[in-house]
Protein backbone atom coordinates (compact mmCIF):
# COMPACT_ATOMS: atom_id res chain seq x y z
CA MET A 1 135.03 113.23 109.43
CA SER A 2 136.60 114.04 112.90
CA VAL A 3 135.84 111.52 115.95
CA ALA A 4 133.43 114.91 117.01
CA GLY A 5 131.54 114.21 114.26
CA VAL A 6 130.77 111.09 114.34
CA ALA A 7 129.50 110.75 118.21
CA THR A 8 127.69 113.89 116.92
CA VAL A 9 126.05 111.88 113.91
CA LEU A 10 125.64 109.23 116.03
CA VAL A 11 123.89 110.90 118.87
CA VAL A 12 121.80 112.05 116.36
CA VAL A 13 120.42 109.21 114.40
CA LEU A 14 120.00 108.29 118.15
CA VAL A 15 117.70 110.83 119.15
CA VAL A 16 115.78 110.72 116.01
CA GLY A 17 115.49 106.65 116.40
CA VAL A 18 114.31 107.01 120.09
CA VAL A 19 111.61 110.16 119.26
CA GLY A 20 110.33 108.00 116.58
CA VAL A 21 109.61 104.87 118.54
CA LEU A 22 107.44 107.05 120.68
CA LEU A 23 105.53 108.34 118.36
CA ARG A 24 105.03 104.76 116.50
CA ARG A 25 104.22 103.56 119.98
CA ARG A 26 101.86 106.23 120.58
CA SER A 27 100.03 105.34 116.74
CA GLY A 28 96.60 103.67 117.17
CA ARG A 29 95.97 103.89 120.80
CA VAL A 30 92.82 105.17 122.10
CA ARG A 31 93.54 108.56 124.44
CA THR A 32 91.07 109.79 127.23
CA PRO A 33 89.20 113.03 125.64
CA SER A 34 90.21 116.86 127.07
CA ASP A 35 87.59 118.95 127.22
CA ARG A 36 87.65 121.36 124.68
CA GLY A 37 83.84 122.27 124.61
CA VAL A 38 83.03 121.25 121.14
CA ASP A 39 80.10 120.45 119.93
CA GLY A 40 81.92 117.41 117.44
CA TRP A 41 78.31 116.96 115.65
CA SER A 42 78.19 120.93 114.66
CA LEU A 43 81.86 121.43 114.20
CA ALA A 44 81.33 118.04 111.33
CA GLY A 45 78.45 120.49 109.78
CA VAL A 46 75.66 117.12 110.78
CA GLN A 47 72.87 117.19 113.24
CA PRO A 48 72.76 113.40 115.32
CA GLY A 49 69.93 110.99 113.83
CA THR A 50 67.04 109.39 115.55
CA ASP A 51 69.39 105.78 116.43
CA ASP A 52 72.71 107.76 116.47
CA ARG A 53 74.16 107.54 119.60
CA PHE A 54 77.77 108.32 118.56
CA LEU A 55 80.09 109.99 115.99
CA LEU A 56 83.23 109.33 114.90
CA LEU A 57 85.07 112.14 112.67
CA GLN A 58 87.89 111.44 111.14
CA LEU A 59 90.36 114.24 110.09
CA SER A 60 92.28 113.64 107.12
CA SER A 61 94.52 114.93 104.59
CA PRO A 62 94.68 114.27 100.60
CA VAL A 63 98.20 112.93 100.93
CA CYS A 64 97.51 110.47 103.76
CA ALA A 65 97.87 107.19 103.01
CA PRO A 66 96.84 106.08 106.23
CA CYS A 67 93.81 107.68 105.82
CA ARG A 68 92.02 105.84 103.52
CA THR A 69 93.19 102.85 105.93
CA THR A 70 91.37 104.58 108.59
CA ALA A 71 88.35 105.87 106.51
CA GLY A 72 87.49 102.39 105.46
CA VAL A 73 88.09 101.31 109.39
CA LEU A 74 85.68 103.33 110.57
CA ALA A 75 83.08 102.78 107.03
CA GLY A 76 82.87 99.29 107.84
CA MET A 77 82.09 100.18 112.17
CA ALA A 78 79.74 102.26 111.22
CA ALA A 79 78.11 100.00 108.44
CA GLY A 80 77.52 97.34 111.38
CA ASP A 81 76.02 100.00 113.80
CA PRO A 82 73.12 101.39 112.92
CA GLY A 83 73.70 104.19 116.07
CA MET A 84 77.83 104.97 114.88
CA ARG A 85 78.10 107.62 112.10
CA HIS A 86 81.43 108.63 110.62
CA VAL A 87 82.17 111.86 109.16
CA GLU A 88 85.73 112.69 107.61
CA VAL A 89 86.88 116.69 107.38
CA ASP A 90 89.61 117.09 105.08
CA VAL A 91 91.51 119.43 107.50
CA ALA A 92 92.95 121.26 104.14
CA GLU A 93 89.46 122.52 103.78
CA ARG A 94 88.55 122.56 107.47
CA VAL A 95 91.91 124.07 109.28
CA ASP A 96 88.99 125.42 111.51
CA VAL A 97 88.02 122.12 112.53
CA ALA A 98 91.42 120.86 113.46
CA ARG A 99 92.19 123.91 115.35
CA ALA A 100 89.42 123.65 117.70
CA LEU A 101 89.88 120.28 118.12
CA GLY A 102 93.73 120.95 118.59
CA VAL A 103 94.70 117.69 116.30
CA MET A 104 98.20 118.36 114.78
CA SER A 105 98.51 115.04 113.05
CA THR A 106 96.47 113.18 110.34
CA PRO A 107 94.72 110.20 110.68
CA THR A 108 92.82 111.39 113.73
CA THR A 109 89.90 110.16 115.32
CA VAL A 110 87.59 111.77 117.43
CA ALA A 111 83.98 110.25 118.18
CA PHE A 112 81.56 112.14 120.39
CA GLY A 113 79.01 110.82 122.61
CA ARG A 114 75.66 112.02 120.95
CA ASP A 115 74.67 115.17 122.94
CA GLY A 116 78.30 116.40 121.42
CA ALA A 117 80.46 115.59 123.82
CA GLU A 118 83.88 114.26 123.02
CA LEU A 119 84.61 110.87 124.32
CA LEU A 120 87.66 109.44 122.85
CA ARG A 121 90.62 109.78 120.89
CA VAL A 122 93.30 108.23 118.24
CA SER A 123 96.04 109.44 116.18
CA GLY A 124 97.20 107.25 113.80
CA VAL A 125 94.57 104.43 112.22
CA PRO A 126 92.43 103.08 114.65
CA SER A 127 92.11 99.37 115.85
CA ALA A 128 87.88 98.87 115.50
CA ASP A 129 88.09 96.53 118.09
CA GLU A 130 89.86 98.52 120.22
CA LEU A 131 87.39 101.58 119.56
CA ARG A 132 84.51 99.18 119.98
CA SER A 133 85.54 98.49 123.57
CA ALA A 134 86.49 102.00 124.24
CA LEU A 135 83.00 102.99 123.42
CA ALA A 136 80.59 100.45 125.22
CA GLY A 137 82.90 100.87 128.18
């Protein structure tokens, strides 16, 4: 291989590595929402119960291993707090939900308040403690 070919390969490897690091740093971090004007409860196909304060809407896909971990984290949070409801949506079956929320990867968790407004979102596996803290504040 020529020197130019080796240099090209090294540049490609470097760029891919940097992009990978940036994506990994973003994964699992709580982000503030963008106002899309959608009602999360309606998108999820549920109505808030008397005690419900938050909806944790998880967007998953069938072949997503981190989605199973996310489901465990969110189900545990909902089981420990009667004011939280966890709903998992398969984006392969409900593309409309992913499109309405602008979700491009799974797992993505979008938290909504009782009024249906988006409060925050997390791409990747969320930390239960960080999610609780963000919802409390």
